[in-house]
Amino acid sequence: QKTILSAASTSVSAQAKLLTAEQMMELLGVSRTGLYLLMRQEGLPYIKFGTIGDGLRFNARSVEKWLASNERQAIS
């Protein structure tokens, strides 16, 4: 069974399973501003290397756990 992030990047999953900000924006369908809001306000887990914006990475497993914990069901 495929995980949500398996389609994001096969080369990333073969390495350290770290996704870039661009990969996360594409995966979640949000803009850069939306991604930063999810990080700051909703607790989207991330890893920051250095002070330049290009050093931002997302651990695929942590993101999958975060998505599962933030999944909401419609109440009928």
N, C-alpha and C. Protein backbone atom coordinates (compact mmCIF):
# COMPACT_ATOMS: atom_id res chain seq x y z
N GLN A 1 0.85 -1.18 0.00
CA GLN A 1 0.00 0.00 0.00
C GLN A 1 0.89 1.24 0.00
N LYS A 2 0.58 2.19 -0.87
CA LYS A 2 1.35 3.41 -0.96
C LYS A 2 0.99 4.35 0.18
N THR A 3 1.99 5.06 0.67
CA THR A 3 1.72 6.11 1.65
C THR A 3 1.44 7.40 0.90
N ILE A 4 0.92 8.37 1.61
CA ILE A 4 0.58 9.65 1.00
C ILE A 4 1.80 10.29 0.36
N LEU A 5 2.95 10.19 1.02
CA LEU A 5 4.13 10.88 0.54
C LEU A 5 4.96 10.07 -0.44
N SER A 6 4.61 8.83 -0.69
CA SER A 6 5.43 8.01 -1.57
C SER A 6 5.47 8.56 -2.99
N ALA A 7 4.41 9.22 -3.39
CA ALA A 7 4.37 9.79 -4.73
C ALA A 7 5.11 11.12 -4.81
N ALA A 8 5.45 11.71 -3.68
CA ALA A 8 6.09 13.03 -3.67
C ALA A 8 7.46 12.99 -4.34
N SER A 9 8.26 11.99 -4.02
CA SER A 9 9.57 11.90 -4.65
C SER A 9 10.19 10.54 -4.35
N THR A 10 10.38 9.76 -5.38
CA THR A 10 10.98 8.45 -5.15
C THR A 10 12.44 8.57 -4.79
N SER A 11 13.14 9.57 -5.34
CA SER A 11 14.55 9.73 -5.01
C SER A 11 14.72 10.17 -3.56
N VAL A 12 13.81 10.98 -3.05
CA VAL A 12 13.88 11.41 -1.65
C VAL A 12 13.62 10.23 -0.74
N SER A 13 12.62 9.39 -1.06
CA SER A 13 12.31 8.26 -0.19
C SER A 13 13.45 7.25 -0.18
N ALA A 14 14.21 7.18 -1.26
CA ALA A 14 15.35 6.26 -1.30
C ALA A 14 16.50 6.79 -0.44
N GLN A 15 16.54 8.09 -0.20
CA GLN A 15 17.61 8.68 0.60
C GLN A 15 17.14 8.81 2.04
N ALA A 16 17.06 10.02 2.54
CA ALA A 16 16.75 10.26 3.94
C ALA A 16 15.28 10.57 4.18
N LYS A 17 14.45 10.51 3.15
CA LYS A 17 13.03 10.83 3.26
C LYS A 17 12.80 12.24 3.75
N LEU A 18 13.61 13.17 3.28
CA LEU A 18 13.42 14.58 3.59
C LEU A 18 12.88 15.27 2.35
N LEU A 19 11.81 16.04 2.53
CA LEU A 19 11.17 16.75 1.43
C LEU A 19 11.53 18.23 1.51
N THR A 20 11.63 18.87 0.36
CA THR A 20 11.90 20.32 0.32
C THR A 20 10.59 21.08 0.52
N ALA A 21 10.71 22.38 0.72
CA ALA A 21 9.52 23.23 0.86
C ALA A 21 8.67 23.17 -0.41
N GLU A 22 9.33 23.16 -1.57
CA GLU A 22 8.60 23.10 -2.84
C GLU A 22 7.83 21.79 -2.96
N GLN A 23 8.42 20.69 -2.55
CA GLN A 23 7.73 19.41 -2.59
C GLN A 23 6.53 19.41 -1.65
N MET A 24 6.68 20.01 -0.48
CA MET A 24 5.57 20.09 0.48
C MET A 24 4.45 20.97 -0.04
N MET A 25 4.80 22.09 -0.66
CA MET A 25 3.77 22.97 -1.21
C MET A 25 2.97 22.24 -2.29
N GLU A 26 3.66 21.49 -3.14
CA GLU A 26 2.98 20.72 -4.19
C GLU A 26 2.13 19.62 -3.58
N LEU A 27 2.66 18.91 -2.62
CA LEU A 27 1.95 17.81 -1.98
C LEU A 27 0.67 18.29 -1.29
N LEU A 28 0.77 19.40 -0.55
CA LEU A 28 -0.37 19.90 0.21
C LEU A 28 -1.26 20.85 -0.59
N GLY A 29 -0.79 21.29 -1.75
CA GLY A 29 -1.57 22.21 -2.58
C GLY A 29 -1.71 23.58 -1.96
N VAL A 30 -0.61 24.07 -1.36
CA VAL A 30 -0.63 25.38 -0.72
C VAL A 30 0.50 26.24 -1.27
N SER A 31 0.37 27.55 -1.06
CA SER A 31 1.42 28.48 -1.44
C SER A 31 2.51 28.47 -0.36
N ARG A 32 3.59 29.20 -0.61
CA ARG A 32 4.65 29.32 0.39
C ARG A 32 4.10 29.94 1.68
N THR A 33 3.26 30.95 1.54
CA THR A 33 2.64 31.58 2.71
C THR A 33 1.79 30.58 3.47
N GLY A 34 1.02 29.78 2.74
CA GLY A 34 0.19 28.76 3.38
C GLY A 34 1.02 27.72 4.11
N LEU A 35 2.15 27.35 3.51
CA LEU A 35 3.03 26.38 4.15
C LEU A 35 3.58 26.93 5.47
N TYR A 36 4.03 28.18 5.45
CA TYR A 36 4.55 28.80 6.66
C TYR A 36 3.47 28.96 7.74
N LEU A 37 2.24 29.23 7.33
CA LEU A 37 1.14 29.30 8.29
C LEU A 37 0.90 27.94 8.94
N LEU A 38 0.94 26.88 8.14
CA LEU A 38 0.77 25.53 8.69
C LEU A 38 1.88 25.21 9.68
N MET A 39 3.08 25.64 9.37
CA MET A 39 4.22 25.40 10.27
C MET A 39 4.05 26.16 11.59
N ARG A 40 3.71 27.44 11.49
CA ARG A 40 3.63 28.28 12.69
C ARG A 40 2.36 28.06 13.51
N GLN A 41 1.23 27.98 12.84
CA GLN A 41 -0.05 27.97 13.55
C GLN A 41 -0.62 26.57 13.78
N GLU A 42 -0.27 25.62 12.92
CA GLU A 42 -0.87 24.29 13.01
C GLU A 42 0.13 23.22 13.45
N GLY A 43 1.39 23.60 13.62
CA GLY A 43 2.38 22.67 14.12
C GLY A 43 2.94 21.69 13.11
N LEU A 44 2.89 22.03 11.82
CA LEU A 44 3.49 21.18 10.80
C LEU A 44 4.98 21.03 11.12
N PRO A 45 5.46 19.80 11.34
CA PRO A 45 6.86 19.60 11.74
C PRO A 45 7.82 19.87 10.59
N TYR A 46 8.94 20.51 10.92
CA TYR A 46 9.95 20.84 9.91
C TYR A 46 11.34 20.81 10.53
N ILE A 47 12.33 20.80 9.66
CA ILE A 47 13.73 20.84 10.06
C ILE A 47 14.35 22.04 9.36
N LYS A 48 15.08 22.87 10.09
CA LYS A 48 15.71 24.04 9.50
C LYS A 48 17.22 23.91 9.59
N PHE A 49 17.87 24.03 8.44
CA PHE A 49 19.32 24.01 8.36
C PHE A 49 19.81 25.42 8.05
N GLY A 50 20.55 26.05 8.95
CA GLY A 50 21.07 27.38 8.70
C GLY A 50 20.00 28.45 8.78
N THR A 51 20.31 29.61 8.18
CA THR A 51 19.39 30.75 8.26
C THR A 51 18.74 31.09 6.92
N ILE A 52 19.21 30.51 5.84
CA ILE A 52 18.65 30.80 4.52
C ILE A 52 17.45 29.88 4.27
N GLY A 53 16.41 30.41 3.64
CA GLY A 53 15.17 29.68 3.40
C GLY A 53 15.33 28.35 2.68
N ASP A 54 16.38 28.19 1.92
CA ASP A 54 16.59 26.95 1.17
C ASP A 54 16.94 25.78 2.09
N GLY A 55 17.25 26.06 3.35
CA GLY A 55 17.62 25.01 4.29
C GLY A 55 16.45 24.38 5.01
N LEU A 56 15.25 24.55 4.50
CA LEU A 56 14.05 24.01 5.13
C LEU A 56 13.74 22.63 4.56
N ARG A 57 13.54 21.63 5.45
CA ARG A 57 13.21 20.27 5.03
C ARG A 57 12.10 19.70 5.90
N PHE A 58 11.43 18.69 5.39
CA PHE A 58 10.32 18.05 6.09
C PHE A 58 10.55 16.55 6.09
N ASN A 59 10.53 15.93 7.26
CA ASN A 59 10.69 14.49 7.38
C ASN A 59 9.36 13.85 6.98
N ALA A 60 9.41 12.96 5.99
CA ALA A 60 8.19 12.35 5.45
C ALA A 60 7.38 11.63 6.52
N ARG A 61 8.04 10.89 7.40
CA ARG A 61 7.31 10.17 8.46
C ARG A 61 6.62 11.12 9.42
N SER A 62 7.32 12.17 9.81
CA SER A 62 6.73 13.15 10.74
C SER A 62 5.53 13.84 10.11
N VAL A 63 5.64 14.15 8.83
CA VAL A 63 4.54 14.81 8.13
C VAL A 63 3.34 13.86 8.03
N GLU A 64 3.58 12.59 7.74
CA GLU A 64 2.48 11.62 7.68
C GLU A 64 1.77 11.51 9.02
N LYS A 65 2.52 11.49 10.10
CA LYS A 65 1.92 11.44 11.44
C LYS A 65 1.12 12.70 11.71
N TRP A 66 1.67 13.85 11.32
CA TRP A 66 0.98 15.13 11.52
C TRP A 66 -0.33 15.14 10.73
N LEU A 67 -0.29 14.69 9.48
CA LEU A 67 -1.50 14.65 8.66
C LEU A 67 -2.56 13.74 9.28
N ALA A 68 -2.14 12.57 9.74
CA ALA A 68 -3.09 11.64 10.37
C ALA A 68 -3.70 12.22 11.63
N SER A 69 -2.91 12.91 12.44
CA SER A 69 -3.42 13.46 13.69
C SER A 69 -4.32 14.68 13.45
N ASN A 70 -4.18 15.32 12.28
CA ASN A 70 -4.99 16.49 11.98
C ASN A 70 -6.15 16.19 11.04
N GLU A 71 -6.33 14.92 10.72
CA GLU A 71 -7.44 14.53 9.86
C GLU A 71 -8.75 14.67 10.64
N ARG A 72 -9.73 15.25 10.00
CA ARG A 72 -11.02 15.46 10.64
C ARG A 72 -12.11 14.75 9.84
N GLN A 73 -13.06 14.21 10.54
CA GLN A 73 -14.19 13.53 9.91
C GLN A 73 -15.41 14.46 9.95
N ALA A 74 -16.18 14.43 8.89
CA ALA A 74 -17.42 15.21 8.86
C ALA A 74 -18.43 14.54 9.80
N ILE A 75 -19.14 15.36 10.54
CA ILE A 75 -20.17 14.85 11.44
C ILE A 75 -21.50 14.88 10.71
N SER A 76 -22.14 13.73 10.62
CA SER A 76 -23.42 13.69 9.88
C SER A 76 -24.60 13.66 10.82
